[in-house]
N, C-alpha and C. Protein backbone atom coordinates (compact mmCIF):
# COMPACT_ATOMS: atom_id res chain seq x y z
N THR A 1 23.68 79.20 54.76
CA THR A 1 23.27 80.45 55.83
C THR A 1 21.85 80.24 55.86
N ILE A 2 21.17 80.10 56.92
CA ILE A 2 19.87 80.17 57.67
C ILE A 2 19.54 81.51 57.93
N HIS A 3 18.31 82.31 57.76
CA HIS A 3 17.72 82.88 58.09
C HIS A 3 16.46 83.09 58.48
N SER A 4 15.70 83.76 59.19
CA SER A 4 14.52 83.68 59.95
C SER A 4 13.38 83.37 59.10
N GLU A 5 13.67 84.00 57.83
CA GLU A 5 12.50 83.13 56.91
C GLU A 5 12.83 81.97 56.00
N VAL A 6 13.63 81.12 56.47
CA VAL A 6 13.51 79.73 55.93
C VAL A 6 12.71 79.07 56.39
N PRO A 7 12.04 78.13 55.79
CA PRO A 7 10.90 77.30 56.39
C PRO A 7 11.58 76.29 57.51
N ASP A 8 10.85 75.72 58.84
CA ASP A 8 11.83 75.15 59.84
C ASP A 8 12.08 73.75 59.37
N ASP A 9 11.64 73.10 58.17
CA ASP A 9 12.07 71.86 58.14
C ASP A 9 13.25 71.67 57.71
N VAL A 10 13.51 73.02 56.36
CA VAL A 10 14.95 73.20 56.06
C VAL A 10 16.02 73.94 57.18
N SER A 11 15.36 74.24 57.92
CA SER A 11 16.58 74.96 59.22
C SER A 11 16.92 74.01 59.81
N LYS A 12 15.82 73.16 60.21
CA LYS A 12 16.15 71.95 61.63
C LYS A 12 17.11 71.12 60.85
N GLU A 13 17.11 70.77 59.58
CA GLU A 13 18.03 69.43 58.89
C GLU A 13 19.39 70.41 58.49
N ALA A 14 19.77 71.83 58.66
CA ALA A 14 20.83 72.18 58.04
C ALA A 14 21.61 72.70 59.41
N ILE A 15 20.51 72.92 60.62
CA ILE A 15 21.17 73.11 61.87
C ILE A 15 21.47 72.09 62.60
N GLY A 16 20.92 70.80 62.34
CA GLY A 16 21.01 69.51 63.07
C GLY A 16 22.45 69.03 62.50
N SER A 17 22.73 69.42 60.97
CA SER A 17 24.10 68.77 60.68
C SER A 17 25.22 69.45 60.60
N ALA A 18 25.03 70.74 61.05
CA ALA A 18 26.17 71.69 61.25
C ALA A 18 27.51 71.54 62.59
N ASP A 19 28.60 71.68 62.16
CA ASP A 19 29.56 71.50 63.37
C ASP A 19 29.56 73.01 64.19
N VAL A 20 29.46 74.04 63.62
CA VAL A 20 29.17 75.46 64.38
C VAL A 20 27.91 75.72 63.85
N VAL A 21 27.24 76.34 64.70
CA VAL A 21 25.97 77.04 64.95
C VAL A 21 26.64 78.44 65.51
N LEU A 22 26.31 79.35 64.33
CA LEU A 22 26.49 80.94 64.87
C LEU A 22 25.00 81.54 64.68
N CYS A 23 24.37 81.73 65.77
CA CYS A 23 22.87 82.31 65.62
C CYS A 23 23.30 83.76 66.25
N CYS A 24 22.51 84.65 65.03
CA CYS A 24 22.31 86.39 65.70
C CYS A 24 21.47 86.70 64.92
N ALA A 25 20.19 86.11 64.68
CA ALA A 25 18.97 86.40 64.21
C ALA A 25 18.44 87.90 64.99
N GLY A 26 18.52 87.67 66.32
CA GLY A 26 18.04 89.15 67.36
C GLY A 26 16.33 88.69 67.38
N LYS A 27 16.16 87.45 67.05
CA LYS A 27 14.58 87.03 67.14
C LYS A 27 14.50 85.70 68.48
N PRO A 28 14.00 86.14 69.47
CA PRO A 28 13.91 85.34 70.64
C PRO A 28 13.04 83.72 70.38
N ASN A 29 13.80 82.74 70.95
CA ASN A 29 13.33 81.48 70.82
C ASN A 29 13.39 80.87 68.97
N LEU A 30 14.19 81.64 68.34
CA LEU A 30 13.65 80.98 66.96
C LEU A 30 14.13 79.60 66.83
N ILE A 31 15.38 79.39 67.53
CA ILE A 31 15.79 77.81 67.20
C ILE A 31 15.68 76.97 68.19
N PRO A 32 15.01 75.74 68.02
CA PRO A 32 14.71 75.03 69.56
C PRO A 32 15.85 74.27 69.48
N VAL A 33 16.33 74.09 70.98
CA VAL A 33 17.59 73.50 71.36
C VAL A 33 17.83 72.22 70.85
N GLU A 34 16.78 71.52 70.63
CA GLU A 34 16.44 70.25 69.90
C GLU A 34 17.29 69.89 68.44
N TRP A 35 17.06 71.13 67.70
CA TRP A 35 17.73 71.18 66.19
C TRP A 35 19.33 71.22 66.32
N ILE A 36 19.77 71.45 67.47
CA ILE A 36 21.36 71.34 67.32
C ILE A 36 21.65 70.14 67.81
N GLY A 37 22.94 69.57 66.91
CA GLY A 37 23.69 68.60 67.24
C GLY A 37 24.14 68.51 68.59
N ASP A 38 24.54 67.23 69.30
CA ASP A 38 25.05 67.08 70.67
C ASP A 38 26.48 67.57 70.14
N ASN A 39 27.23 67.32 69.45
CA ASN A 39 28.63 67.85 69.23
C ASN A 39 28.92 69.28 68.63
N ALA A 40 27.99 69.86 68.41
CA ALA A 40 27.82 71.19 67.36
C ALA A 40 28.33 72.47 68.79
N THR A 41 29.58 72.91 68.18
CA THR A 41 29.78 74.44 68.89
C THR A 41 28.90 75.57 68.30
N VAL A 42 28.52 76.15 69.78
CA VAL A 42 27.10 76.95 69.27
C VAL A 42 27.48 78.23 69.73
N ILE A 43 27.81 79.52 69.04
CA ILE A 43 28.03 80.93 69.31
C ILE A 43 26.85 81.66 69.35
N ASN A 44 26.44 82.07 70.17
CA ASN A 44 25.05 82.48 70.63
C ASN A 44 25.23 83.94 70.41
N VAL A 45 25.14 84.84 69.39
CA VAL A 45 25.01 86.12 69.26
C VAL A 45 23.60 86.77 69.79
N GLY A 46 22.81 85.82 69.27
CA GLY A 46 21.65 87.06 68.83
C GLY A 46 20.93 86.98 70.69
N THR A 47 20.57 87.76 71.04
CA THR A 47 19.91 88.57 71.91
C THR A 47 18.83 89.65 71.80
N THR A 48 18.09 89.52 72.65
CA THR A 48 16.58 90.73 72.34
C THR A 48 16.22 90.75 73.81
N PHE A 49 15.77 91.97 74.07
CA PHE A 49 15.61 92.11 75.66
C PHE A 49 14.21 92.01 75.45
N VAL A 50 13.64 91.27 76.37
CA VAL A 50 11.90 91.07 76.37
C VAL A 50 11.23 91.45 77.67
N GLU A 51 10.50 92.40 77.55
CA GLU A 51 9.84 92.80 78.89
C GLU A 51 9.24 91.83 79.86
N GLU A 52 8.66 90.94 78.96
CA GLU A 52 7.79 90.08 79.82
C GLU A 52 8.64 89.24 80.87
N VAL A 53 10.20 89.07 80.65
CA VAL A 53 10.76 88.43 81.29
C VAL A 53 11.80 89.38 82.05
N ASP A 54 11.67 90.59 81.56
CA ASP A 54 12.96 91.34 82.35
C ASP A 54 14.16 91.20 81.95
N GLY A 55 14.58 90.90 80.80
CA GLY A 55 15.79 90.17 80.54
C GLY A 55 16.23 89.94 79.10
N LEU A 56 17.30 89.51 78.94
CA LEU A 56 17.86 89.32 77.60
C LEU A 56 17.39 87.75 77.20
N VAL A 57 16.75 87.64 76.39
CA VAL A 57 16.48 86.40 75.61
C VAL A 57 17.45 85.89 74.53
N SER A 58 17.64 84.84 74.30
CA SER A 58 18.63 84.22 73.56
C SER A 58 17.93 83.79 71.93
N ASP A 59 18.39 83.77 70.85
CA ASP A 59 17.74 83.17 69.74
C ASP A 59 17.55 81.61 69.62
N ILE A 60 18.16 80.97 70.84
CA ILE A 60 18.19 79.56 70.91
C ILE A 60 16.80 79.19 72.12
N LYS A 61 15.65 78.55 72.07
CA LYS A 61 15.41 78.07 72.97
C LYS A 61 15.42 76.91 73.81
N GLY A 62 15.70 76.77 74.81
CA GLY A 62 16.17 75.78 75.63
C GLY A 62 17.42 75.99 76.16
N ASP A 63 17.82 74.97 76.87
CA ASP A 63 19.32 75.20 77.74
C ASP A 63 20.44 74.17 76.77
N LEU A 64 20.86 74.79 76.39
CA LEU A 64 22.08 74.50 75.68
C LEU A 64 23.24 73.60 76.40
N SER A 65 23.23 73.96 77.72
CA SER A 65 24.13 73.22 78.65
C SER A 65 23.91 71.99 78.86
N LYS A 66 22.70 71.25 78.51
CA LYS A 66 22.07 70.07 78.46
C LYS A 66 22.48 69.44 77.27
N THR A 67 23.14 69.68 76.50
CA THR A 67 23.04 69.37 75.14
C THR A 67 24.36 69.46 74.65
N ASN A 68 24.90 70.32 74.79
CA ASN A 68 26.04 70.73 74.08
C ASN A 68 26.90 71.56 75.14
N ALA A 69 28.51 71.01 74.73
CA ALA A 69 29.41 71.26 76.02
C ALA A 69 30.51 72.30 75.39
N ARG A 70 30.09 72.63 74.16
CA ARG A 70 31.10 74.49 73.58
C ARG A 70 29.63 75.44 73.19
N TYR A 71 29.77 75.90 74.25
CA TYR A 71 28.46 77.04 73.85
C TYR A 71 28.82 78.36 74.34
N SER A 72 28.13 79.48 73.96
CA SER A 72 28.47 80.79 74.39
C SER A 72 26.78 81.19 75.27
N PRO A 73 26.83 81.35 76.39
CA PRO A 73 25.58 81.84 77.09
C PRO A 73 25.08 83.17 76.55
N VAL A 74 23.74 83.00 76.91
CA VAL A 74 23.08 84.64 77.11
C VAL A 74 22.29 84.76 78.26
N PRO A 75 22.96 86.06 78.77
CA PRO A 75 23.79 86.97 78.83
C PRO A 75 25.09 86.61 78.88
N GLY A 76 26.26 87.02 79.04
CA GLY A 76 27.74 86.93 79.51
C GLY A 76 28.48 86.29 78.47
N GLY A 77 27.76 85.88 77.00
CA GLY A 77 28.87 84.90 76.27
C GLY A 77 29.73 86.06 75.26
N ILE A 78 29.37 86.31 74.37
CA ILE A 78 30.32 87.55 73.46
C ILE A 78 30.09 88.64 73.60
N GLY A 79 29.05 89.01 74.24
CA GLY A 79 28.91 90.14 74.81
C GLY A 79 30.01 91.29 75.44
N PRO A 80 30.65 90.53 76.36
CA PRO A 80 31.71 91.46 76.73
C PRO A 80 33.03 91.43 76.14
N LEU A 81 33.13 90.70 75.10
CA LEU A 81 34.21 90.95 73.73
C LEU A 81 34.03 92.28 73.18
N SER A 82 32.83 92.41 72.71
CA SER A 82 32.24 93.55 71.82
C SER A 82 32.94 94.99 72.19
N ALA A 83 32.69 95.57 73.43
CA ALA A 83 33.48 96.48 74.02
C ALA A 83 34.90 96.84 73.32
N PRO A 84 35.66 95.85 73.98
CA PRO A 84 36.98 95.63 73.96
C PRO A 84 37.44 95.70 72.55
N MET A 85 36.74 94.82 71.62
CA MET A 85 36.82 94.84 70.34
C MET A 85 36.98 95.95 69.41
N LEU A 86 35.68 96.61 70.01
CA LEU A 86 35.36 98.24 69.09
C LEU A 86 36.39 98.78 69.51
N PHE A 87 36.86 99.03 71.07
CA PHE A 87 37.98 99.97 71.25
C PHE A 87 38.90 100.20 70.48
N ARG A 88 39.35 98.37 70.44
CA ARG A 88 40.96 98.12 69.75
C ARG A 88 40.58 98.48 68.09
N ASN A 89 39.31 98.65 67.38
CA ASN A 89 39.35 98.88 66.00
C ASN A 89 38.98 100.63 66.10
N VAL A 90 38.59 101.14 67.15
CA VAL A 90 38.59 102.46 67.15
C VAL A 90 40.06 103.09 67.23
N ALA A 91 40.80 102.75 68.00
CA ALA A 91 42.37 102.89 68.56
C ALA A 91 42.89 102.69 67.03
N GLN A 92 42.89 101.94 66.65
CA GLN A 92 43.53 101.50 65.35
C GLN A 92 43.25 102.14 64.34
N ALA A 93 41.87 102.71 64.03
CA ALA A 93 41.83 103.60 63.06
C ALA A 93 41.99 104.89 63.18
N ALA A 94 42.33 105.42 64.72
CA ALA A 94 42.77 106.68 65.16
C ALA A 94 44.22 106.42 64.91
N TRP A 95 45.03 105.67 65.23
CA TRP A 95 46.29 105.63 65.05
C TRP A 95 46.34 105.62 63.10
N ASP A 96 45.74 105.05 62.45
CA ASP A 96 46.36 104.78 61.41
C ASP A 96 45.62 106.28 60.84
N GLN A 97 44.55 106.90 60.78
CA GLN A 97 44.62 108.50 60.39
C GLN A 97 45.60 109.39 61.02
N MET A 98 45.69 109.38 61.91
CA MET A 98 47.18 110.16 62.85
C MET A 98 48.29 110.17 61.87
N HIS A 99 48.57 108.76 61.56
CA HIS A 99 49.97 108.76 60.84
C HIS A 99 49.53 109.21 59.60
N ARG A 100 48.76 108.83 58.71
CA ARG A 100 48.28 109.59 57.52
C ARG A 100 48.59 111.10 57.48
N GLY A 101 47.81 111.65 58.24
CA GLY A 101 47.52 113.01 58.52
C GLY A 101 49.20 113.39 58.90
N LYS A 102 49.88 113.03 59.54
CA LYS A 102 51.24 113.35 60.11
C LYS A 102 51.85 113.57 59.04
N SER A 103 51.99 112.34 58.18
CA SER A 103 53.45 112.23 57.11
C SER A 103 53.25 113.43 56.04
N ALA A 104 51.43 113.74 55.75
CA ALA A 104 51.41 115.01 54.91
C ALA A 104 51.60 116.04 55.21
N ALA A 105 51.65 116.45 56.59
CA ALA A 105 51.68 117.61 57.23
C ALA A 105 53.40 117.49 57.21
N LEU A 106 54.34 116.78 57.69
CA LEU A 106 55.59 116.82 57.72
C LEU A 106 56.32 116.70 56.48
N SER A 107 55.71 116.13 55.59
CA SER A 107 56.49 116.18 54.57
C SER A 107 56.52 117.44 53.56
N SER A 108 55.69 118.54 53.86
CA SER A 108 55.97 119.68 53.70
C SER A 108 56.27 120.69 54.49
N GLY A 109 57.00 120.13 55.42
CA GLY A 109 58.14 120.80 56.52
C GLY A 109 57.27 121.71 57.51
N TRP A 110 55.93 121.70 57.70
CA TRP A 110 55.14 122.20 58.58
C TRP A 110 54.85 121.09 60.20
N SER A 111 55.07 121.96 61.46
CA SER A 111 54.37 121.38 62.03
C SER A 111 53.77 122.32 63.36
N ARG A 112 53.26 121.85 64.41
CA ARG A 112 52.16 123.07 65.07
C ARG A 112 52.76 122.36 66.30
N HIS A 113 53.17 123.58 67.21
CA HIS A 113 53.17 123.58 68.75
C HIS A 113 52.41 124.77 69.20
N PRO A 114 51.32 124.31 69.90
CA PRO A 114 50.20 125.34 70.47
C PRO A 114 51.01 125.69 71.40
N GLU A 115 50.69 126.97 71.59
CA GLU A 115 51.42 127.94 73.37
C GLU A 115 50.52 127.06 74.37
N ARG A 116 51.33 126.93 75.27
CA ARG A 116 50.66 126.27 76.27
C ARG A 116 51.50 127.24 77.81
N LEU A 117 50.88 127.41 78.73
CA LEU A 117 51.38 127.74 80.21
C LEU A 117 51.59 126.03 81.02
N ARG A 118 52.90 126.25 81.49
CA ARG A 118 53.59 124.92 82.22
C ARG A 118 54.22 125.24 83.40
N LYS A 119 54.02 124.66 84.35
CA LYS A 119 54.73 124.67 85.71
C LYS A 119 54.60 123.41 86.24
N MET A 120 55.89 123.11 86.82
CA MET A 120 56.29 121.84 87.48
C MET A 120 56.45 122.14 89.19
N TYR A 121 55.60 121.33 89.70
CA TYR A 121 55.77 121.30 91.52
C TYR A 121 56.26 120.28 91.72
N HIS A 122 57.21 120.24 92.65
CA HIS A 122 57.61 119.15 93.35
C HIS A 122 57.05 118.91 94.57
N PHE A 123 56.92 117.50 95.12
CA PHE A 123 56.44 117.15 96.48
C PHE A 123 57.18 116.01 96.66
N SER A 124 57.08 115.69 98.18
CA SER A 124 58.23 115.10 98.86
C SER A 124 57.31 113.27 98.68
N THR A 125 55.90 113.37 98.73
CA THR A 125 55.17 112.08 98.83
C THR A 125 54.16 112.28 97.64
N TYR A 126 53.71 111.25 97.36
CA TYR A 126 52.62 110.81 96.55
C TYR A 126 51.28 111.66 96.85
N SER A 127 51.37 111.24 98.11
CA SER A 127 49.75 111.66 98.52
C SER A 127 49.76 113.32 98.48
N GLU A 128 51.14 114.17 98.96
CA GLU A 128 50.96 115.71 99.14
C GLU A 128 50.60 115.98 97.61
N ALA A 129 51.07 115.56 96.51
CA ALA A 129 51.03 115.71 95.10
C ALA A 129 49.18 115.49 94.36
N LEU A 130 48.53 114.49 95.33
CA LEU A 130 47.47 114.06 94.97
C LEU A 130 46.73 114.82 95.59
N GLU A 131 47.07 115.61 96.81
CA GLU A 131 45.95 116.58 97.24
C GLU A 131 45.96 117.94 96.59
N ALA A 132 47.50 118.35 96.26
CA ALA A 132 47.69 119.62 95.61
C ALA A 132 46.32 119.32 94.12
N ALA A 133 46.55 118.40 93.51
CA ALA A 133 45.90 117.87 92.38
C ALA A 133 44.39 118.53 92.56
N SER A 134 44.21 117.61 93.66
CA SER A 134 43.05 117.79 94.09
C SER A 134 42.29 119.38 94.40
N LYS A 135 42.97 120.21 94.86
CA LYS A 135 42.60 121.66 95.45
C LYS A 135 42.63 122.31 93.69
N VAL A 136 43.70 121.93 92.98
CA VAL A 136 43.57 122.39 91.46
C VAL A 136 42.45 122.34 90.75
N ASP A 137 42.11 120.85 90.96
CA ASP A 137 40.80 120.12 90.26
C ASP A 137 39.54 121.16 91.00
N GLU A 138 39.64 121.48 92.44
CA GLU A 138 38.42 122.35 92.71
C GLU A 138 38.37 123.46 92.11
N ILE A 139 39.38 124.08 92.26
CA ILE A 139 39.36 125.44 91.65
C ILE A 139 39.17 125.83 89.96
N SER A 140 39.32 124.69 89.33
CA SER A 140 39.34 124.35 87.81
C SER A 140 37.98 124.11 87.67
N SER A 141 37.04 123.31 88.42
CA SER A 141 35.85 123.07 88.34
C SER A 141 34.95 124.64 88.08
N ILE A 142 35.46 125.37 89.47
CA ILE A 142 34.84 126.56 89.55
C ILE A 142 35.05 127.70 88.70
N MET A 143 36.12 127.59 87.70
CA MET A 143 36.56 128.45 87.02
C MET A 143 36.00 127.78 85.48
N ASP A 144 35.61 126.60 85.41
CA ASP A 144 35.14 125.72 84.26
C ASP A 144 36.51 125.90 83.20
N HIS A 145 37.75 125.48 83.58
CA HIS A 145 39.11 125.41 82.96
C HIS A 145 39.79 124.42 83.42
N HIS A 146 40.19 123.26 83.00
CA HIS A 146 40.70 122.38 83.74
C HIS A 146 41.97 122.28 82.92
N ALA A 147 42.94 121.78 83.89
CA ALA A 147 44.53 122.01 83.59
C ALA A 147 44.70 120.63 83.27
N ASN A 148 45.88 120.14 82.17
CA ASN A 148 46.11 118.93 82.27
C ASN A 148 47.07 118.51 83.52
N MET A 149 47.08 117.51 83.93
CA MET A 149 47.98 117.43 85.06
C MET A 149 48.81 115.87 84.59
N LYS A 150 50.28 116.00 85.06
CA LYS A 150 50.89 114.75 84.87
C LYS A 150 51.83 114.50 85.79
N PHE A 151 51.65 113.49 86.68
CA PHE A 151 52.37 112.65 87.66
C PHE A 151 53.58 112.12 86.93
N ASN A 152 54.83 112.35 87.87
CA ASN A 152 55.97 111.33 87.73
C ASN A 152 56.67 111.45 88.83
N HIS A 153 56.36 109.98 89.39
CA HIS A 153 56.52 109.55 90.48
C HIS A 153 58.27 109.19 90.46
N ALA A 154 59.08 109.48 91.14
CA ALA A 154 60.47 109.26 91.27
C ALA A 154 60.90 108.25 92.61
N CYS A 155 59.92 107.36 92.97
CA CYS A 155 60.42 106.67 94.16
C CYS A 155 60.69 107.33 95.16
N VAL A 156 61.80 107.38 95.69
CA VAL A 156 62.63 108.28 96.80
C VAL A 156 62.87 109.22 96.69
N ASN A 157 62.86 110.00 95.49
CA ASN A 157 62.86 111.56 95.09
C ASN A 157 61.83 112.41 95.13
N GLY A 158 60.65 111.42 95.45
CA GLY A 158 59.46 112.38 95.57
C GLY A 158 58.68 112.14 94.47
N VAL A 159 57.89 113.19 93.88
CA VAL A 159 56.83 113.41 92.73
C VAL A 159 56.84 114.82 92.37
N ASP A 160 56.88 114.74 90.96
CA ASP A 160 56.54 115.91 90.03
C ASP A 160 55.01 115.92 89.62
N LEU A 161 54.58 117.34 89.99
CA LEU A 161 53.38 117.39 89.32
C LEU A 161 53.20 118.63 88.27
N GLU A 162 53.33 118.36 86.99
CA GLU A 162 53.21 119.00 86.02
C GLU A 162 51.84 119.65 85.59
N LEU A 163 51.66 121.00 85.49
CA LEU A 163 50.40 121.42 85.56
C LEU A 163 50.48 122.12 84.47
N GLU A 164 49.37 122.39 83.30
CA GLU A 164 49.43 122.80 82.00
C GLU A 164 48.20 123.21 81.62
N PHE A 165 48.28 124.59 81.37
CA PHE A 165 46.89 125.25 80.89
C PHE A 165 46.97 125.64 79.58
N PHE A 166 46.07 125.68 78.51
CA PHE A 166 45.94 126.21 77.55
C PHE A 166 44.33 125.84 76.72
N THR A 167 43.77 126.54 76.18
CA THR A 167 42.28 126.58 75.74
C THR A 167 42.45 125.49 74.48
N TRP A 168 41.66 124.44 74.80
CA TRP A 168 41.44 123.35 73.70
C TRP A 168 41.08 123.84 72.42
N GLU A 169 39.72 124.29 72.64
CA GLU A 169 39.03 124.47 71.43
C GLU A 169 39.67 125.60 70.49
N ALA A 170 40.75 126.58 71.09
CA ALA A 170 41.35 127.93 70.26
C ALA A 170 42.70 127.22 70.02
N ASN A 171 43.29 126.01 70.70
CA ASN A 171 44.81 125.57 70.42
C ASN A 171 45.75 126.26 70.66
N ARG A 172 45.16 127.26 71.85
CA ARG A 172 46.35 128.15 71.93
C ARG A 172 46.25 128.94 73.26
N LEU A 173 47.15 129.80 73.87
CA LEU A 173 46.85 130.62 75.23
C LEU A 173 45.40 131.58 74.92
N THR A 174 44.69 131.59 75.68
CA THR A 174 43.61 133.15 75.66
C THR A 174 43.57 133.38 77.02
N GLU A 175 42.68 134.30 77.24
CA GLU A 175 42.44 135.07 78.66
C GLU A 175 42.18 134.08 79.74
N LYS A 176 41.39 132.93 79.54
CA LYS A 176 40.97 131.81 80.67
C LYS A 176 41.80 131.47 80.90
N ASP A 177 43.25 131.37 80.23
CA ASP A 177 44.46 130.62 80.92
C ASP A 177 45.38 131.43 82.02
N TYR A 178 45.04 132.40 81.87
CA TYR A 178 46.00 133.22 83.04
C TYR A 178 45.19 133.63 84.24
């Protein structure tokens, strides 16, 4: 493991002999491209915004494309993977938490079903259903109280639009729903 405080001669030797270089110091131009072996795979995570160039600058100084066949560029390398991986982890944590809570609640025999107002409307085309939903959205915006809307497209049988009202904060019907 090399970090920004390791002397250059030690860093150069370790980086030059590595098969994989993973740099993520967040210190622009920390590693000269000449230090990296020609056959090394470079995963370049470290990026820093530099005002002088008005853009992101890599931890690696120089053009990796001239010396290495396998590398992640900056910008555009691993960054696009960060958001979906974060989303996956958050979704998994929410799923796990929901199931832990659900099993505890259900094991005691209790379940919760908040009150809601629901109405189903049928339209012959999807366009008609979208137009109606748009009108509901306009009125809901004025009232600052939006309906949950669910579309069910049944091909030749038309489209059902289900509207549902309840007050989320109260988790029940309130005077806002009528």
